[in-house]
Amino acid sequence: MLDEIKEYKDKKISEINKHKWIASEKAGIDLGKKAIEEWQKDHEIHFKRHWLNERFELK
């Protein structure tokens, strides 16, 4: 179970960093915390559902 939690957290951080980089590139400045909060608001629930579905084959 701890392996799954670590895997989830690592993947989540990777996705947040990708979003932050892309959003910052588009804006032309480092959006920092704003991009992180945007990802949490707009993408976190979808990421969690997708990860759980993929990992545990949930429907």
N, C-alpha and C. Protein backbone atom coordinates (compact mmCIF):
# COMPACT_ATOMS: atom_id res chain seq x y z
N MET A 1 0.81 -1.21 0.00
CA MET A 1 0.00 0.00 0.00
C MET A 1 0.86 1.27 0.00
N LEU A 2 1.95 1.26 0.75
CA LEU A 2 2.82 2.43 0.78
C LEU A 2 3.45 2.70 -0.58
N ASP A 3 3.73 1.62 -1.33
CA ASP A 3 4.27 1.79 -2.68
C ASP A 3 3.28 2.51 -3.58
N GLU A 4 2.01 2.18 -3.46
CA GLU A 4 0.98 2.83 -4.27
C GLU A 4 0.85 4.30 -3.91
N ILE A 5 0.94 4.61 -2.62
CA ILE A 5 0.84 6.00 -2.19
C ILE A 5 2.01 6.80 -2.74
N LYS A 6 3.22 6.25 -2.63
CA LYS A 6 4.40 6.93 -3.17
C LYS A 6 4.28 7.11 -4.68
N GLU A 7 3.84 6.07 -5.37
CA GLU A 7 3.66 6.15 -6.82
C GLU A 7 2.66 7.25 -7.18
N TYR A 8 1.55 7.31 -6.46
CA TYR A 8 0.53 8.33 -6.69
C TYR A 8 1.11 9.73 -6.49
N LYS A 9 1.79 9.92 -5.37
CA LYS A 9 2.35 11.24 -5.07
C LYS A 9 3.40 11.65 -6.10
N ASP A 10 4.26 10.71 -6.49
CA ASP A 10 5.29 11.02 -7.49
C ASP A 10 4.67 11.41 -8.82
N LYS A 11 3.67 10.67 -9.26
CA LYS A 11 3.00 10.96 -10.53
C LYS A 11 2.26 12.30 -10.46
N LYS A 12 1.62 12.55 -9.33
CA LYS A 12 0.89 13.81 -9.14
C LYS A 12 1.84 15.00 -9.21
N ILE A 13 2.97 14.90 -8.54
CA ILE A 13 3.96 15.98 -8.57
C ILE A 13 4.48 16.19 -9.99
N SER A 14 4.71 15.11 -10.70
CA SER A 14 5.16 15.20 -12.08
C SER A 14 4.13 15.93 -12.95
N GLU A 15 2.86 15.59 -12.79
CA GLU A 15 1.80 16.24 -13.57
C GLU A 15 1.65 17.71 -13.20
N ILE A 16 1.78 18.03 -11.93
CA ILE A 16 1.72 19.44 -11.49
C ILE A 16 2.87 20.22 -12.12
N ASN A 17 4.06 19.65 -12.08
CA ASN A 17 5.22 20.34 -12.66
C ASN A 17 5.09 20.53 -14.16
N LYS A 18 4.53 19.55 -14.86
CA LYS A 18 4.28 19.71 -16.30
C LYS A 18 3.32 20.86 -16.55
N HIS A 19 2.23 20.86 -15.78
CA HIS A 19 1.23 21.93 -15.93
C HIS A 19 1.84 23.29 -15.64
N LYS A 20 2.60 23.36 -14.56
CA LYS A 20 3.24 24.63 -14.16
C LYS A 20 4.16 25.12 -15.27
N TRP A 21 4.95 24.22 -15.84
CA TRP A 21 5.88 24.61 -16.89
C TRP A 21 5.13 25.11 -18.13
N ILE A 22 4.13 24.35 -18.58
CA ILE A 22 3.38 24.73 -19.78
C ILE A 22 2.65 26.06 -19.56
N ALA A 23 1.96 26.21 -18.43
CA ALA A 23 1.23 27.44 -18.14
C ALA A 23 2.18 28.63 -18.04
N SER A 24 3.33 28.44 -17.43
CA SER A 24 4.31 29.51 -17.30
C SER A 24 4.90 29.89 -18.65
N GLU A 25 5.17 28.90 -19.50
CA GLU A 25 5.67 29.19 -20.84
C GLU A 25 4.66 30.01 -21.63
N LYS A 26 3.39 29.64 -21.54
CA LYS A 26 2.35 30.39 -22.26
C LYS A 26 2.24 31.82 -21.76
N ALA A 27 2.39 31.99 -20.44
CA ALA A 27 2.25 33.32 -19.84
C ALA A 27 3.53 34.16 -20.00
N GLY A 28 4.64 33.49 -20.24
CA GLY A 28 5.90 34.21 -20.37
C GLY A 28 6.55 34.56 -19.05
N ILE A 29 5.99 34.05 -17.96
CA ILE A 29 6.55 34.26 -16.62
C ILE A 29 6.33 32.99 -15.79
N ASP A 30 7.08 32.86 -14.71
CA ASP A 30 6.90 31.72 -13.81
C ASP A 30 5.65 31.97 -12.97
N LEU A 31 4.63 31.16 -13.17
CA LEU A 31 3.37 31.34 -12.45
C LEU A 31 3.40 30.74 -11.06
N GLY A 32 4.36 29.87 -10.80
CA GLY A 32 4.56 29.33 -9.45
C GLY A 32 3.31 28.76 -8.82
N LYS A 33 3.03 29.28 -7.61
CA LYS A 33 1.91 28.76 -6.81
C LYS A 33 0.57 28.89 -7.53
N LYS A 34 0.42 29.93 -8.32
CA LYS A 34 -0.84 30.13 -9.06
C LYS A 34 -1.12 28.94 -9.98
N ALA A 35 -0.09 28.46 -10.68
CA ALA A 35 -0.26 27.33 -11.59
C ALA A 35 -0.56 26.05 -10.82
N ILE A 36 0.07 25.90 -9.67
CA ILE A 36 -0.19 24.72 -8.82
C ILE A 36 -1.64 24.73 -8.35
N GLU A 37 -2.10 25.86 -7.87
CA GLU A 37 -3.49 25.97 -7.41
C GLU A 37 -4.47 25.75 -8.57
N GLU A 38 -4.12 26.24 -9.74
CA GLU A 38 -4.96 26.04 -10.93
C GLU A 38 -5.07 24.55 -11.25
N TRP A 39 -3.95 23.84 -11.20
CA TRP A 39 -3.96 22.40 -11.46
C TRP A 39 -4.84 21.68 -10.44
N GLN A 40 -4.68 22.05 -9.18
CA GLN A 40 -5.48 21.41 -8.13
C GLN A 40 -6.97 21.66 -8.37
N LYS A 41 -7.32 22.86 -8.74
CA LYS A 41 -8.73 23.22 -8.95
C LYS A 41 -9.30 22.56 -10.21
N ASP A 42 -8.53 22.57 -11.29
CA ASP A 42 -9.06 22.14 -12.58
C ASP A 42 -8.76 20.69 -12.97
N HIS A 43 -7.72 20.10 -12.39
CA HIS A 43 -7.28 18.80 -12.88
C HIS A 43 -7.13 17.69 -11.84
N GLU A 44 -7.00 18.05 -10.58
CA GLU A 44 -6.67 17.04 -9.58
C GLU A 44 -7.69 15.90 -9.49
N ILE A 45 -8.96 16.21 -9.48
CA ILE A 45 -9.98 15.16 -9.35
C ILE A 45 -9.95 14.22 -10.55
N HIS A 46 -9.73 14.77 -11.75
CA HIS A 46 -9.65 13.93 -12.95
C HIS A 46 -8.40 13.06 -12.92
N PHE A 47 -7.30 13.64 -12.47
CA PHE A 47 -6.07 12.87 -12.35
C PHE A 47 -6.25 11.72 -11.37
N LYS A 48 -6.85 12.01 -10.23
CA LYS A 48 -7.05 10.98 -9.20
C LYS A 48 -7.93 9.85 -9.73
N ARG A 49 -9.04 10.21 -10.37
CA ARG A 49 -9.92 9.18 -10.94
C ARG A 49 -9.20 8.32 -11.96
N HIS A 50 -8.47 8.97 -12.85
CA HIS A 50 -7.74 8.25 -13.89
C HIS A 50 -6.70 7.32 -13.27
N TRP A 51 -5.95 7.83 -12.32
CA TRP A 51 -4.91 7.02 -11.68
C TRP A 51 -5.52 5.81 -10.98
N LEU A 52 -6.59 6.03 -10.23
CA LEU A 52 -7.25 4.93 -9.52
C LEU A 52 -7.81 3.90 -10.50
N ASN A 53 -8.45 4.37 -11.55
CA ASN A 53 -9.00 3.47 -12.56
C ASN A 53 -7.91 2.63 -13.21
N GLU A 54 -6.81 3.29 -13.55
CA GLU A 54 -5.70 2.59 -14.19
C GLU A 54 -5.05 1.58 -13.24
N ARG A 55 -4.86 1.99 -12.02
CA ARG A 55 -4.13 1.18 -11.04
C ARG A 55 -4.97 0.02 -10.54
N PHE A 56 -6.23 0.24 -10.29
CA PHE A 56 -7.08 -0.76 -9.66
C PHE A 56 -8.23 -1.23 -10.54
N GLU A 57 -8.22 -0.79 -11.80
CA GLU A 57 -9.24 -1.16 -12.78
C GLU A 57 -10.66 -0.94 -12.26
N LEU A 58 -10.87 0.25 -11.73
CA LEU A 58 -12.19 0.63 -11.22
C LEU A 58 -13.04 1.17 -12.37
N LYS A 59 -14.32 1.12 -12.22
CA LYS A 59 -15.24 1.66 -13.22
C LYS A 59 -16.05 2.77 -12.62
